[in-house]
Protein backbone atom coordinates (compact mmCIF):
# COMPACT_ATOMS: atom_id res chain seq x y z
CA MET A 1 -12.50 -9.92 5.98
CA CYS A 2 -13.89 -8.24 2.47
CA GLY A 3 -16.67 -6.08 2.40
CA ILE A 4 -19.60 -7.00 0.23
CA PHE A 5 -22.46 -4.36 -0.39
CA GLY A 6 -25.44 -4.93 -2.60
CA ILE A 7 -28.69 -2.38 -3.45
CA TRP A 8 -31.82 -2.80 -5.18
CA SER A 9 -33.29 0.73 -6.09
CA THR A 10 -35.07 2.75 -8.66
CA LYS A 11 -34.93 5.98 -7.09
CA LEU A 12 -31.26 6.17 -5.83
CA ASN A 13 -28.42 6.23 -7.97
CA VAL A 14 -27.60 2.64 -7.21
CA ALA A 15 -23.65 3.30 -8.26
CA GLU A 16 -22.98 6.28 -6.00
CA ALA A 17 -24.84 4.79 -3.20
CA THR A 18 -22.43 1.51 -3.79
CA TYR A 19 -19.39 4.10 -3.91
CA PHE A 20 -20.57 5.29 -0.57
CA GLY A 21 -21.23 1.83 1.13
CA LEU A 22 -18.04 0.43 0.01
CA PHE A 23 -16.22 3.30 1.79
CA ALA A 24 -17.69 2.76 4.79
CA LEU A 25 -16.52 -1.06 4.18
CA GLN A 26 -12.80 -0.06 3.20
CA HIS A 27 -11.82 -1.31 6.73
CA ARG A 28 -12.55 -5.02 5.42
CA GLY A 29 -10.46 -4.99 2.74
CA GLN A 30 -7.75 -2.39 0.56
CA GLU A 31 -6.26 -4.47 -1.95
CA SER A 32 -8.81 -3.96 -4.72
CA ALA A 33 -12.71 -3.05 -5.44
CA GLY A 34 -15.15 -3.25 -7.87
CA ILE A 35 -18.79 -2.44 -8.83
CA ALA A 36 -21.09 -4.67 -11.20
CA ILE A 37 -24.44 -2.56 -12.40
CA THR A 38 -27.82 -3.47 -13.94
CA ASP A 39 -30.11 -1.66 -16.21
CA GLY A 40 -32.26 -5.28 -16.57
CA LYS A 41 -30.54 -5.50 -20.03
CA GLN A 42 -26.66 -6.36 -19.11
CA ILE A 43 -24.48 -6.35 -16.47
CA ASN A 44 -21.63 -3.42 -16.75
CA LEU A 45 -18.73 -4.06 -14.89
CA VAL A 46 -15.82 -1.27 -12.82
CA LYS A 47 -13.12 -2.72 -11.19
CA GLY A 48 -9.22 -2.59 -10.05
CA LEU A 49 -6.48 -2.69 -7.45
CA GLY A 50 -6.09 -0.39 -4.84
CA LEU A 51 -8.91 1.64 -2.46
CA VAL A 52 -12.49 2.31 -3.45
CA SER A 53 -11.26 5.92 -3.60
CA GLN A 54 -8.57 4.98 -6.24
CA VAL A 55 -10.68 2.73 -8.09
CA PHE A 56 -13.37 4.81 -8.76
CA ASP A 57 -13.52 8.48 -10.39
CA LYS A 58 -16.81 10.47 -11.62
CA ASP A 59 -16.19 9.23 -14.66
CA SER A 60 -16.14 5.56 -13.73
CA LEU A 61 -19.18 6.09 -11.60
CA GLU A 62 -21.73 7.86 -14.43
CA SER A 63 -20.66 5.02 -16.75
CA LEU A 64 -22.53 2.65 -14.21
CA LYS A 65 -25.94 3.10 -14.48
CA GLY A 66 -28.76 1.11 -13.08
CA PHE A 67 -31.14 -0.18 -10.46
CA ALA A 68 -29.38 -2.79 -8.74
CA ALA A 69 -25.73 -2.99 -7.98
CA VAL A 70 -23.07 -5.27 -5.97
CA GLY A 71 -19.97 -3.89 -4.71
CA HIS A 72 -16.76 -5.56 -3.02
CA SER A 73 -13.37 -4.21 -1.24
CA ARG A 74 -11.10 -7.43 -1.15
CA TYR A 75 -8.64 -8.36 1.57
CA SER A 76 -6.91 -11.52 -0.03
CA THR A 77 -6.53 -15.05 1.85
CA THR A 78 -6.60 -17.23 -1.35
CA GLY A 79 -5.11 -15.91 -4.33
CA SER A 80 -3.01 -13.47 -4.86
CA VAL A 81 -3.12 -9.59 -4.99
CA LEU A 82 -4.06 -9.48 -8.99
CA LYS A 83 -6.42 -7.26 -10.82
CA VAL A 84 -7.81 -10.72 -12.32
CA ASN A 85 -8.74 -11.54 -8.51
CA ALA A 86 -10.52 -8.26 -8.05
CA GLN A 87 -14.24 -8.80 -7.38
CA PRO A 88 -16.93 -8.98 -8.55
CA LEU A 89 -16.39 -11.87 -10.99
CA LEU A 90 -18.63 -12.31 -13.36
CA ALA A 91 -19.77 -15.83 -14.47
CA ASN A 92 -21.69 -16.95 -17.76
CA PHE A 93 -24.72 -18.71 -16.27
CA HIS A 94 -26.72 -19.85 -19.34
CA GLY A 95 -25.58 -17.28 -21.48
CA HIS A 96 -26.01 -14.35 -19.10
CA ASP A 97 -23.78 -12.74 -16.81
CA VAL A 98 -23.89 -13.00 -13.53
CA ALA A 99 -21.54 -10.94 -11.22
CA VAL A 100 -20.05 -13.15 -7.78
CA THR A 101 -19.20 -11.33 -4.62
CA HIS A 102 -17.72 -13.46 -1.72
CA ASN A 103 -16.59 -12.76 1.81
CA GLY A 104 -15.03 -15.95 3.58
CA ASN A 105 -12.35 -18.77 2.51
CA LEU A 106 -13.32 -21.70 1.21
CA ILE A 107 -11.55 -25.30 2.73
CA ASN A 108 -12.03 -27.11 -0.19
CA THR A 109 -10.73 -24.90 -3.10
CA GLU A 110 -7.79 -27.24 -4.54
CA GLN A 111 -10.38 -30.23 -4.66
CA LEU A 112 -13.09 -28.15 -6.45
CA ARG A 113 -10.88 -26.43 -8.87
CA LYS A 114 -9.09 -29.73 -10.33
CA GLU A 115 -13.01 -30.68 -10.73
CA CYS A 116 -13.76 -27.70 -12.56
CA ALA A 117 -10.81 -28.10 -14.58
CA ILE A 118 -11.27 -31.60 -15.78
CA LYS A 119 -14.96 -30.48 -17.00
CA GLY A 120 -13.15 -27.87 -19.01
CA TYR A 121 -13.63 -24.58 -16.96
CA VAL A 122 -10.33 -22.48 -17.37
CA PHE A 123 -9.27 -20.36 -14.64
CA LYS A 124 -8.00 -16.77 -15.13
CA GLY A 125 -6.80 -16.09 -11.62
CA THR A 126 -6.22 -17.76 -8.16
CA SER A 127 -9.33 -16.92 -5.75
CA ASP A 128 -11.61 -19.70 -4.12
CA THR A 129 -14.39 -17.09 -5.48
CA GLU A 130 -13.31 -17.98 -9.21
CA VAL A 131 -14.47 -21.88 -8.58
CA ILE A 132 -17.56 -20.39 -7.15
CA ALA A 133 -18.12 -18.70 -10.13
CA ALA A 134 -16.89 -22.00 -11.91
CA LEU A 135 -19.63 -24.31 -10.17
CA LEU A 136 -22.12 -21.76 -11.35
CA GLU A 137 -21.18 -21.86 -15.02
CA GLN A 138 -21.21 -25.52 -14.76
CA SER A 139 -24.37 -26.07 -13.05
CA SER A 140 -26.90 -28.09 -14.82
CA GLU A 141 -29.67 -26.32 -13.14
CA THR A 142 -31.89 -23.50 -15.04
CA GLU A 143 -33.05 -21.44 -12.00
CA LEU A 144 -29.93 -19.27 -10.67
CA GLU A 145 -31.30 -19.95 -6.95
CA ASP A 146 -31.48 -23.88 -7.83
CA ALA A 147 -27.92 -23.48 -9.12
CA ILE A 148 -26.56 -21.30 -6.03
CA LEU A 149 -28.34 -24.20 -3.80
CA SER A 150 -26.25 -26.64 -5.68
CA LEU A 151 -23.23 -25.34 -5.04
CA MET A 152 -23.89 -24.39 -1.45
CA ARG A 153 -24.23 -28.22 -1.22
CA GLN A 154 -20.43 -28.44 -2.81
CA ILE A 155 -18.40 -25.52 -1.27
CA ARG A 156 -17.28 -26.13 2.63
CA GLY A 157 -15.86 -23.28 4.54
CA ALA A 158 -16.91 -19.60 5.40
CA TYR A 159 -19.05 -17.45 2.80
CA SER A 160 -21.50 -15.06 2.92
CA LEU A 161 -22.20 -14.09 -1.02
CA VAL A 162 -24.24 -11.52 -2.97
CA PHE A 163 -24.98 -12.53 -6.76
CA LEU A 164 -26.16 -9.57 -9.52
CA ALA A 165 -28.04 -11.00 -12.37
CA LYS A 166 -29.82 -8.87 -14.40
CA ASP A 167 -32.99 -9.21 -12.97
CA ARG A 168 -32.13 -10.25 -9.58
CA ILE A 169 -29.97 -9.86 -6.49
CA VAL A 170 -29.31 -12.95 -4.46
CA ALA A 171 -27.73 -13.49 -1.01
CA VAL A 172 -26.83 -16.57 0.98
CA ARG A 173 -24.69 -16.84 4.21
CA ASP A 174 -22.89 -20.56 4.90
CA PRO A 175 -24.65 -22.70 7.59
CA TYR A 176 -22.07 -22.16 10.33
CA GLY A 177 -22.75 -18.23 9.97
CA ILE A 178 -19.28 -17.26 10.21
CA ARG A 179 -19.06 -14.13 8.16
CA PRO A 180 -21.51 -11.26 8.82
CA LEU A 181 -24.46 -10.49 6.31
CA VAL A 182 -27.05 -7.62 6.83
CA ILE A 183 -30.46 -6.62 4.94
CA SER A 184 -32.42 -3.70 5.20
CA SER A 185 -35.40 -2.02 3.82
CA LEU A 186 -34.45 1.31 1.76
CA GLY A 187 -37.48 3.19 1.03
CA SER A 188 -39.44 0.98 -1.74
CA GLY A 189 -35.65 -0.58 -2.22
CA TYR A 190 -33.26 -2.89 -0.10
CA VAL A 191 -29.64 -2.71 0.93
CA ILE A 192 -27.42 -5.57 1.84
CA ALA A 193 -24.04 -5.29 3.33
CA SER A 194 -21.60 -6.98 5.76
CA GLU A 195 -22.26 -4.47 8.34
CA ASP A 196 -24.88 -1.96 8.97
CA CYS A 197 -22.66 0.98 8.92
CA ALA A 198 -22.70 0.62 5.12
CA VAL A 199 -26.77 0.25 5.23
CA SER A 200 -27.06 3.65 7.33
CA ILE A 201 -24.64 5.71 5.36
CA VAL A 202 -27.07 5.17 2.58
CA GLY A 203 -30.42 5.73 4.58
CA GLY A 204 -31.40 2.17 5.10
CA GLY A 205 -33.07 1.44 8.42
CA SER A 206 -32.44 -1.19 11.25
CA GLY A 207 -32.52 -4.30 9.30
CA ARG A 208 -31.73 -7.78 10.24
CA GLU A 209 -28.93 -10.55 9.65
CA LEU A 210 -29.58 -13.07 7.16
CA LEU A 211 -29.87 -16.45 9.08
CA PRO A 212 -26.85 -19.61 8.39
CA GLY A 213 -27.98 -21.09 5.43
CA GLU A 214 -30.34 -18.46 4.46
CA LEU A 215 -30.69 -17.49 0.52
CA LEU A 216 -32.53 -14.78 0.03
CA THR A 217 -33.91 -13.19 -3.53
CA ILE A 218 -34.51 -9.49 -4.37
CA ASP A 219 -36.36 -8.80 -7.50
CA GLU A 220 -38.97 -6.55 -8.79
CA THR A 221 -41.61 -7.98 -6.73
CA GLY A 222 -39.59 -7.96 -3.31
CA THR A 223 -37.77 -10.11 -0.93
CA HIS A 224 -38.15 -13.77 -1.26
CA THR A 225 -36.09 -16.05 1.16
CA ARG A 226 -35.68 -20.03 1.77
CA THR A 227 -33.66 -22.44 3.87
CA ALA A 228 -30.98 -23.64 1.48
CA LEU A 229 -29.04 -25.09 3.87
CA HIS A 230 -30.04 -26.07 7.55
CA GLN A 231 -28.55 -24.08 10.27
CA GLU A 232 -25.72 -26.01 11.91
CA ALA A 233 -26.54 -26.59 15.60
CA ARG A 234 -23.22 -25.36 16.71
CA GLY A 235 -22.64 -21.77 15.27
CA GLY A 236 -19.49 -20.44 14.06
CA PHE A 237 -19.54 -16.51 13.89
CA CYS A 238 -16.53 -14.84 13.92
CA SER A 239 -15.34 -13.84 17.79
CA PHE A 240 -12.64 -11.72 15.65
CA GLU A 241 -15.58 -9.54 14.34
CA TYR A 242 -16.36 -8.46 17.58
CA ILE A 243 -12.89 -7.51 18.84
CA TYR A 244 -10.96 -6.28 15.50
CA PHE A 245 -12.55 -6.49 12.20
CA ALA A 246 -16.03 -4.96 12.32
CA ARG A 247 -16.07 -1.10 12.89
CA PRO A 248 -17.15 -0.35 16.40
CA ASP A 249 -20.55 1.77 15.00
CA SER A 250 -21.75 -1.50 13.74
CA ILE A 251 -24.17 -3.82 15.53
CA PHE A 252 -24.30 -7.88 15.33
CA ASN A 253 -26.90 -9.55 16.84
CA HIS A 254 -28.82 -6.54 18.28
CA LYS A 255 -25.56 -5.64 20.55
CA SER A 256 -23.08 -2.49 19.99
CA LEU A 257 -19.69 -3.48 19.35
CA TYR A 258 -18.29 -0.35 20.85
CA SER A 259 -20.12 -1.28 24.22
CA ILE A 260 -18.49 -4.60 23.81
CA ARG A 261 -15.30 -3.58 23.29
CA VAL A 262 -15.50 -1.22 25.99
CA LYS A 263 -16.68 -4.57 28.15
CA MET A 264 -13.94 -6.14 27.43
CA GLY A 265 -11.48 -3.31 28.34
CA ARG A 266 -13.23 -3.34 32.08
CA ASN A 267 -12.95 -7.45 32.30
CA LEU A 268 -9.23 -7.03 31.09
CA PHE A 269 -8.70 -4.49 34.42
CA ARG A 270 -10.49 -7.08 36.46
CA GLU A 271 -8.31 -10.11 35.27
CA HIS A 272 -5.06 -7.85 35.05
CA PRO A 273 -4.91 -4.81 37.17
CA VAL A 274 -1.63 -3.15 37.49
CA GLU A 275 -0.57 0.66 38.64
CA ALA A 276 0.01 3.36 36.53
CA ASP A 277 -0.24 7.02 35.27
CA CYS A 278 -2.05 6.99 32.42
CA VAL A 279 -4.04 4.50 29.81
CA ILE A 280 -3.12 4.75 26.21
CA SER A 281 -4.94 2.79 23.21
CA VAL A 282 -3.20 1.53 19.80
CA PRO A 283 -5.65 3.57 17.51
CA ASP A 284 -8.10 3.17 16.34
CA SER A 285 -9.09 -0.75 16.78
CA GLY A 286 -7.70 -0.93 20.88
CA THR A 287 -9.25 2.62 21.64
CA PRO A 288 -12.99 1.22 22.84
CA ALA A 289 -11.26 -1.61 24.96
CA ALA A 290 -8.61 1.50 26.59
CA ILE A 291 -11.45 3.50 27.71
CA GLY A 292 -13.09 0.69 29.38
CA TYR A 293 -9.85 -0.33 31.36
CA SER A 294 -9.32 3.39 31.97
CA LYS A 295 -13.17 3.36 33.46
CA GLU A 296 -12.54 0.29 35.28
CA SER A 297 -9.43 1.09 36.84
CA GLY A 298 -9.69 4.73 37.75
CA ILE A 299 -6.53 5.63 35.64
CA ALA A 300 -6.67 8.40 33.22
CA PHE A 301 -7.05 7.73 29.61
CA ALA A 302 -4.60 9.89 27.44
CA GLU A 303 -3.82 10.00 24.03
CA GLY A 304 -0.17 8.96 23.62
CA LEU A 305 -0.05 7.64 20.04
CA ILE A 306 -1.56 9.72 16.91
CA LYS A 307 -2.39 7.67 13.84
CA ASN A 308 -2.22 8.85 10.30
CA ARG A 309 -5.55 8.09 9.12
CA TYR A 310 -4.12 7.90 5.45
CA ILE A 311 -2.40 4.49 6.00
CA GLY A 312 -4.06 1.02 5.97
CA ARG A 313 -4.53 -1.02 8.71
CA THR A 314 -0.64 -2.78 8.94
CA PHE A 315 -2.19 -6.24 10.17
CA ILE A 316 -4.19 -6.71 6.66
CA GLN A 317 -0.91 -5.68 4.54
CA PRO A 318 -0.38 -8.81 2.79
CA ASP A 319 3.52 -8.53 2.95
CA GLN A 320 5.74 -8.48 6.19
CA LEU A 321 8.24 -5.75 4.71
CA LEU A 322 5.21 -3.30 4.17
CA ARG A 323 3.71 -4.21 7.73
CA GLU A 324 6.85 -3.33 9.03
CA VAL A 325 7.07 0.34 7.09
CA GLY A 326 3.48 0.63 7.67
CA VAL A 327 4.11 0.76 11.72
CA LYS A 328 6.42 3.58 11.31
CA LEU A 329 4.40 5.49 9.00
CA LYS A 330 1.29 4.94 10.37
CA LEU A 331 1.65 5.51 14.42
CA ASN A 332 3.23 9.00 15.73
CA PRO A 333 3.97 9.14 19.47
CA ILE A 334 3.06 12.26 21.80
CA VAL A 335 6.15 12.59 23.66
CA ASP A 336 4.43 14.71 26.53
CA ALA A 337 1.79 12.04 27.37
CA ILE A 338 4.45 9.39 27.86
CA ALA A 339 7.85 10.74 28.72
CA GLY A 340 8.36 10.05 32.56
CA LYS A 341 5.34 8.31 32.85
CA ARG A 342 3.94 4.59 33.86
CA ILE A 343 2.09 3.53 30.65
CA VAL A 344 -0.36 1.22 30.51
CA ILE A 345 -0.90 0.18 26.52
CA VAL A 346 -4.10 -1.78 25.17
CA ASP A 347 -4.79 -3.43 21.91
CA ASP A 348 -7.41 -5.56 20.43
CA SER A 349 -4.85 -8.62 20.01
CA ILE A 350 -1.40 -9.63 19.12
CA VAL A 351 -1.01 -11.95 16.31
CA ARG A 352 2.94 -11.91 14.96
CA GLY A 353 4.03 -9.43 17.64
CA THR A 354 6.04 -7.38 14.91
CA THR A 355 3.54 -4.17 15.45
CA SER A 356 3.53 -4.61 19.16
CA LYS A 357 7.19 -4.96 19.52
CA LYS A 358 8.04 -1.70 17.44
CA ILE A 359 5.02 0.15 19.46
CA VAL A 360 6.88 -0.62 22.46
CA LYS A 361 9.88 0.28 20.92
CA LEU A 362 8.37 4.05 20.22
CA LEU A 363 7.12 4.03 23.90
CA ARG A 364 10.51 3.44 25.45
CA GLU A 365 12.49 5.63 23.02
CA CYS A 366 9.90 8.58 24.22
CA GLY A 367 10.85 8.28 27.76
CA ALA A 368 7.99 5.88 29.21
CA ARG A 369 9.58 4.75 32.59
CA GLU A 370 7.02 1.65 32.60
CA VAL A 371 5.11 0.15 29.80
CA HIS A 372 2.28 -2.37 30.70
CA PHE A 373 0.73 -4.15 27.57
CA ARG A 374 -2.74 -5.27 28.19
CA VAL A 375 -4.57 -7.44 25.26
CA SER A 376 -8.27 -7.22 24.66
CA SER A 377 -8.61 -10.73 23.56
CA PRO A 378 -7.17 -14.12 24.08
CA MET A 379 -3.76 -15.69 23.26
CA VAL A 380 -4.05 -16.40 19.17
CA ILE A 381 -2.50 -19.99 19.00
CA ALA A 382 -4.01 -21.13 16.06
CA PRO A 383 -4.26 -19.77 12.24
CA CYS A 384 -7.61 -18.84 11.00
CA PHE A 385 -8.81 -21.19 7.70
CA TYR A 386 -11.88 -19.37 7.21
CA GLY A 387 -11.05 -15.96 5.89
CA ILE A 388 -8.43 -14.28 8.10
CA ASP A 389 -4.55 -14.00 7.22
CA THR A 390 -3.24 -14.61 10.69
CA ALA A 391 -0.29 -16.92 9.35
CA GLY A 392 0.90 -19.75 10.30
CA LYS A 393 1.14 -21.35 13.59
CA ASN A 394 4.92 -21.08 13.08
CA GLU A 395 4.32 -17.32 12.80
CA LEU A 396 2.02 -16.72 15.66
CA ILE A 397 3.93 -15.24 18.82
CA ALA A 398 1.40 -16.73 21.24
CA SER A 399 1.66 -20.40 19.83
CA ASN A 400 5.70 -20.40 20.24
CA LEU A 401 6.52 -18.10 23.34
CA SER A 402 5.13 -18.28 26.54
CA LEU A 403 3.47 -15.39 28.46
CA GLU A 404 6.91 -14.40 30.31
CA GLU A 405 8.78 -15.08 26.96
CA ILE A 406 6.24 -12.79 24.94
CA ARG A 407 7.00 -10.44 27.94
CA ASP A 408 10.43 -10.56 27.30
CA GLU A 409 10.18 -10.37 23.62
CA LEU A 410 7.95 -7.57 23.43
CA LYS A 411 10.55 -5.63 26.01
CA VAL A 412 7.53 -4.79 28.54
CA ASP A 413 7.22 -4.65 32.16
CA SER A 414 4.28 -6.72 32.42
CA ILE A 415 1.89 -8.48 29.82
CA GLY A 416 -1.94 -9.38 30.08
CA PHE A 417 -4.62 -11.07 27.80
CA LEU A 418 -8.08 -11.01 28.29
CA SER A 419 -9.51 -14.53 28.90
CA LEU A 420 -11.64 -16.74 26.54
CA LYS A 421 -14.35 -16.64 29.99
CA GLY A 422 -13.89 -12.63 29.84
CA LEU A 423 -14.20 -12.24 26.33
CA LEU A 424 -17.23 -14.45 26.14
CA ASN A 425 -19.13 -12.58 29.18
CA ALA A 426 -18.29 -9.25 26.85
CA ILE A 427 -19.84 -10.77 23.95
CA HIS A 428 -22.25 -12.26 26.09
CA LEU A 429 -23.23 -15.34 23.75
CA PRO A 430 -22.93 -18.78 24.23
CA LYS A 431 -19.64 -19.96 23.49
CA ASP A 432 -21.31 -22.84 21.29
CA SER A 433 -22.78 -19.74 18.96
CA LEU A 434 -18.80 -18.46 17.88
CA CYS A 435 -15.89 -19.32 16.37
CA LEU A 436 -12.90 -19.40 18.97
CA ALA A 437 -10.76 -21.54 16.80
CA CYS A 438 -7.75 -18.59 16.94
CA PHE A 439 -7.70 -19.09 20.52
CA ASN A 440 -8.49 -22.71 21.64
CA GLY A 441 -7.66 -24.48 18.31
CA ASP A 442 -11.13 -25.83 18.45
CA TYR A 443 -12.76 -25.48 14.65
CA PRO A 444 -16.41 -25.58 13.99
CA ILE A 445 -16.08 -27.02 10.28
CA PRO A 446 -13.22 -29.56 10.32
């Protein structure tokens, strides 16, 4: 996951704009946050552990002066939750600082880490992003863009990267286009972000997504783009971005995620109809699909669970104990909407099943007469190696249990998952343009 934000503007307070941009991307990572900024002479950096609002205050933002900045909100897959792993990371490129931000996950980290260490790089942290910083430092290329192109030829896996030098921003996507990255004009400047919800919040217009394999530079003369690596014939855009990760008000491939998720819910009812008194969602990520299920079925939609929005997403808490405590803190049932009712509860996905089991228990304790679980994505049967902490295969409930066994494990009256066909129908993109590995075990990058 992770959220990346970059901005170039001589008119805006870019530190403040980056702060609000990261705030809009907070859902993508909650473990640490950081902002690096250039005034044309040097790069200054502030970062720390915690939410964006915990890392930055008025004084720290006022200490960041300049015309271009990059920011990052982190969710760890490679590397533990330590301040040294917080991004942006600073690399020394021929005597000058370059800030590095990364969304994704490399699959040849260990090999590259050993090679960089043999050449003399001393690693301070444990993240794969530091491997990218090491490759940049050890590059024999004299131009930053050439050095980035060289490291792109060495790293394998999922990466959207935004670099900040003292006089430019450079952004790239991997040739499979697994993780999102968009660019938009901003008056006389530019803004880059993981999702366009962060672009609009600072006044950016409708932009475009960087192409897979594209390298784009922003400097005082404008934008310059080149094909760094040829786009792979088989794409790999993460289907989970459509299902869960991205905010519903974001747009990918010119399609509204909210509309796609509502259609997922409609398709879910067509595939798994049931008679019930009301449809409720696991808020907030399950709500659009629950609305779609309600519209297609004619069963009334009701608020059955209230979310404490000051609690982070339980799925992306890295510790299992925190996950379990988080469910109790995060969702509170409305007893009047549940007691004595036949309930259809819609969630976007079931990964481990821990959260789902506790939610069903909550509904039963509130007196639900029947509980029918519906999931607006296929069964997750394989782990992700491209930037999502979906755990090992032995922890994935659908990888180890049959549909009937999952029903018994969750203690529900019935359960239904959206089919792969139903998912593709809602997203309305060719199968070979998406990464569906968590659902079918077919990885675009071996």
